[in-house]
Protein backbone atom coordinates (compact mmCIF):
# COMPACT_ATOMS: atom_id res chain seq x y z
CA MET A 1 234.36 -67.93 -30.13
CA SER A 2 236.35 -66.77 -33.13
CA VAL A 3 238.98 -68.99 -34.69
CA GLY A 4 241.09 -67.56 -37.52
CA GLY A 5 238.63 -64.71 -38.20
CA VAL A 6 235.68 -67.07 -38.67
CA ASP A 7 233.09 -67.25 -35.93
CA GLU A 8 231.57 -70.60 -34.97
CA ASP A 9 228.28 -69.39 -36.45
CA GLY A 10 229.87 -68.86 -39.88
CA PRO A 11 231.46 -65.91 -41.58
CA GLN A 12 230.57 -62.51 -40.23
CA PRO A 13 229.67 -59.52 -42.39
CA HIS A 14 232.70 -57.64 -43.62
CA GLY A 15 232.93 -53.91 -43.06
CA GLY A 16 229.84 -53.40 -40.92
CA ASP A 17 227.07 -51.10 -42.11
CA SER A 18 228.91 -48.01 -43.30
CA ALA A 19 227.26 -45.20 -45.21
CA GLN A 20 229.10 -46.25 -48.34
CA LEU A 21 227.78 -49.82 -48.08
CA ARG A 22 224.25 -48.52 -47.55
CA HIS A 23 224.56 -46.29 -50.59
CA LEU A 24 225.94 -49.11 -52.76
CA ARG A 25 223.19 -51.42 -51.53
CA GLY A 26 220.64 -48.76 -52.49
CA GLU A 27 222.12 -48.58 -55.99
CA VAL A 28 221.82 -52.36 -56.39
CA GLU A 29 218.21 -52.20 -55.17
CA ALA A 30 217.52 -49.44 -57.73
CA ILE A 31 218.86 -51.73 -60.47
CA ILE A 32 216.54 -54.50 -59.25
CA THR A 33 213.56 -52.12 -59.37
CA GLU A 34 214.49 -50.91 -62.86
CA ALA A 35 215.00 -54.47 -64.09
CA LYS A 36 211.59 -55.55 -62.77
CA ARG A 37 209.92 -52.59 -64.46
CA GLY A 38 211.80 -53.17 -67.73
CA ALA A 39 210.90 -56.87 -67.78
CA ARG A 40 207.22 -56.06 -67.15
CA ARG A 41 207.17 -53.49 -69.95
CA ALA A 42 208.91 -55.81 -72.39
CA HIS A 43 206.47 -58.60 -71.51
CA ARG A 44 203.45 -56.33 -72.09
CA ARG A 45 204.87 -55.12 -75.39
CA SER A 46 205.57 -58.69 -76.45
CA LYS A 47 201.96 -59.62 -75.77
CA LEU A 48 200.75 -56.55 -77.67
CA TRP A 49 202.81 -57.39 -80.75
CA ASN A 50 201.70 -61.02 -80.60
CA ALA A 51 198.08 -59.89 -80.55
CA THR A 52 198.78 -57.49 -83.43
CA PHE A 53 200.39 -60.29 -85.43
CA LEU A 54 197.34 -62.50 -84.91
CA ALA A 55 194.88 -59.67 -85.52
CA LEU A 56 196.46 -58.79 -88.85
CA GLY A 57 197.47 -62.26 -89.98
CA PHE A 58 194.06 -63.89 -89.81
CA PRO A 59 192.16 -61.06 -91.56
CA ALA A 60 194.78 -61.11 -94.33
CA ALA A 61 194.45 -64.84 -94.90
CA VAL A 62 190.65 -65.07 -94.92
CA PRO A 63 189.97 -62.54 -97.73
CA ALA A 64 192.75 -64.09 -99.80
CA GLY A 65 191.08 -67.50 -99.62
CA LEU A 66 187.63 -66.05 -100.21
CA SER A 67 188.81 -64.06 -103.23
CA GLY A 68 190.22 -67.22 -104.79
CA ALA A 69 187.03 -69.14 -104.16
CA THR A 70 184.88 -66.26 -105.40
CA GLY A 71 186.95 -65.86 -108.56
CA LEU A 72 186.64 -69.55 -109.34
CA ALA A 73 182.91 -69.69 -108.61
CA SER A 74 181.71 -67.87 -111.74
CA PRO A 75 182.93 -65.41 -114.34
CA ASP A 76 180.54 -62.76 -113.02
CA SER A 77 182.26 -62.64 -109.61
CA ARG A 78 185.41 -60.93 -110.82
CA ILE A 79 184.69 -57.64 -109.05
CA PRO A 80 183.96 -59.16 -105.59
CA ALA A 81 187.03 -61.39 -105.96
CA ALA A 82 189.18 -58.40 -106.89
CA LEU A 83 187.89 -56.39 -103.91
CA LEU A 84 188.62 -59.27 -101.54
CA ALA A 85 192.09 -59.70 -103.02
CA LEU A 86 192.78 -55.97 -102.64
CA SER A 87 191.63 -55.95 -99.02
CA SER A 88 193.80 -58.98 -98.30
CA ALA A 89 196.77 -57.32 -99.95
CA GLY A 90 196.23 -54.16 -97.91
CA VAL A 91 196.10 -56.02 -94.60
CA SER A 92 199.12 -58.11 -95.60
CA ALA A 93 201.06 -54.97 -96.46
CA GLY A 94 200.14 -53.44 -93.12
CA ALA A 95 201.26 -56.57 -91.31
CA ALA A 96 204.55 -56.61 -93.21
CA PHE A 97 205.10 -52.91 -92.49
CA LEU A 98 204.58 -53.32 -88.75
CA ARG A 99 206.76 -56.47 -88.52
CA SER A 100 204.85 -57.46 -85.40
CA SER A 101 206.36 -60.94 -85.11
CA GLU A 102 209.87 -59.44 -85.13
CA ARG A 103 208.85 -56.85 -82.55
CA GLU A 104 207.44 -59.60 -80.36
CA LEU A 105 210.78 -61.42 -80.53
CA THR A 106 212.61 -58.18 -79.75
CA ASN A 107 210.59 -57.63 -76.61
CA LEU A 108 210.99 -61.24 -75.50
CA ARG A 109 214.76 -60.83 -75.77
CA ARG A 110 214.60 -57.58 -73.80
CA ARG A 111 212.43 -59.24 -71.15
CA TYR A 112 214.92 -62.08 -70.67
CA ALA A 113 217.82 -59.62 -70.51
CA TRP A 114 216.04 -57.57 -67.83
CA GLN A 115 215.22 -60.72 -65.86
CA GLU A 116 218.84 -61.86 -66.03
CA LEU A 117 219.97 -58.46 -64.74
CA GLU A 118 217.49 -58.68 -61.87
CA VAL A 119 218.74 -62.14 -60.89
CA GLN A 120 222.35 -60.97 -60.95
CA ALA A 121 221.50 -57.94 -58.80
CA ARG A 122 219.66 -60.12 -56.29
CA LEU A 123 222.71 -62.38 -56.05
CA VAL A 124 224.90 -59.35 -55.38
CA LEU A 125 222.52 -58.25 -52.61
CA ALA A 126 222.51 -61.74 -51.12
CA ARG A 127 226.33 -61.75 -50.99
CA GLU A 128 226.65 -58.08 -50.07
CA ALA A 129 226.84 -58.70 -46.32
CA TYR A 130 230.03 -60.69 -46.85
CA MET A 131 231.65 -58.25 -49.24
CA SER A 132 233.98 -55.36 -48.60
CA GLU A 133 233.07 -51.94 -49.96
CA GLU A 134 235.54 -52.45 -52.80
CA HIS A 135 234.05 -55.81 -53.78
CA LEU A 136 230.52 -54.43 -53.64
CA TYR A 137 231.57 -51.45 -55.76
CA SER A 138 233.13 -53.83 -58.28
CA ALA A 139 229.96 -55.97 -58.36
CA LEU A 140 227.85 -52.83 -58.84
CA SER A 141 230.08 -51.75 -61.72
CA GLN A 142 229.57 -55.14 -63.38
CA LEU A 143 225.81 -54.82 -62.92
CA LEU A 144 225.87 -51.40 -64.57
CA GLN A 145 227.81 -52.85 -67.52
CA LYS A 146 225.16 -55.56 -67.84
CA ARG A 147 222.49 -52.86 -67.59
CA ARG A 148 224.02 -51.03 -70.54
CA ALA A 149 224.07 -54.31 -72.46
CA VAL A 150 220.30 -54.78 -72.21
CA PRO A 151 219.25 -54.39 -75.83
CA SER A 152 217.24 -51.36 -76.75
CA SER A 153 214.41 -51.77 -79.22
CA ALA A 154 216.36 -49.98 -81.94
CA LEU A 155 219.42 -52.20 -81.59
CA VAL A 156 217.51 -55.46 -81.63
CA MET A 157 215.35 -54.36 -84.55
CA SER A 158 218.43 -53.39 -86.55
CA GLU A 159 219.88 -56.86 -85.95
CA LEU A 160 216.72 -58.42 -87.36
CA GLN A 161 216.86 -56.36 -90.58
CA PRO A 162 218.13 -58.31 -93.58
CA SER A 163 221.30 -56.82 -94.97
CA SER A 164 220.98 -55.07 -98.26
CA PRO A 165 223.00 -56.34 -101.22
CA LEU A 166 224.17 -52.72 -101.60
CA ASP A 167 225.75 -52.69 -98.12
CA LEU A 168 229.51 -52.72 -98.26
CA PRO A 169 231.44 -55.13 -96.03
């Protein structure tokens, strides 16, 4: 029995299952799929850059320590110490050039942004049965705005760059 538009079993879906609702629901599901894929990619990239950071950081530190010890051991060990110092400097320069720790952070931020978008889209789908077509369209528009706000690699990396003293305000 219905009293004041609310059935005894709770609120009933608004607007039925029109073609427009099905299409909007499909768009929300597409956002969920894209967000899952984006979060997975960002997670894999984060792990890759973490491994790169470790793979370059340790080999840079070991030759630096060995070159110091070799140089202090005897005056005849200047050449091996210099070679170890040069190899350490080369690996350190490569690590600094790649900025792997910053790239790891970038991808972690992207992963969390994608996961947040997925959660929001799932909430829209959960409420969708009780929404009118206009409300669902509005919710989808907000999801698309959040989708555009997911940071791209270039944007996040530019935020991490130190500002140059030559940059004008």
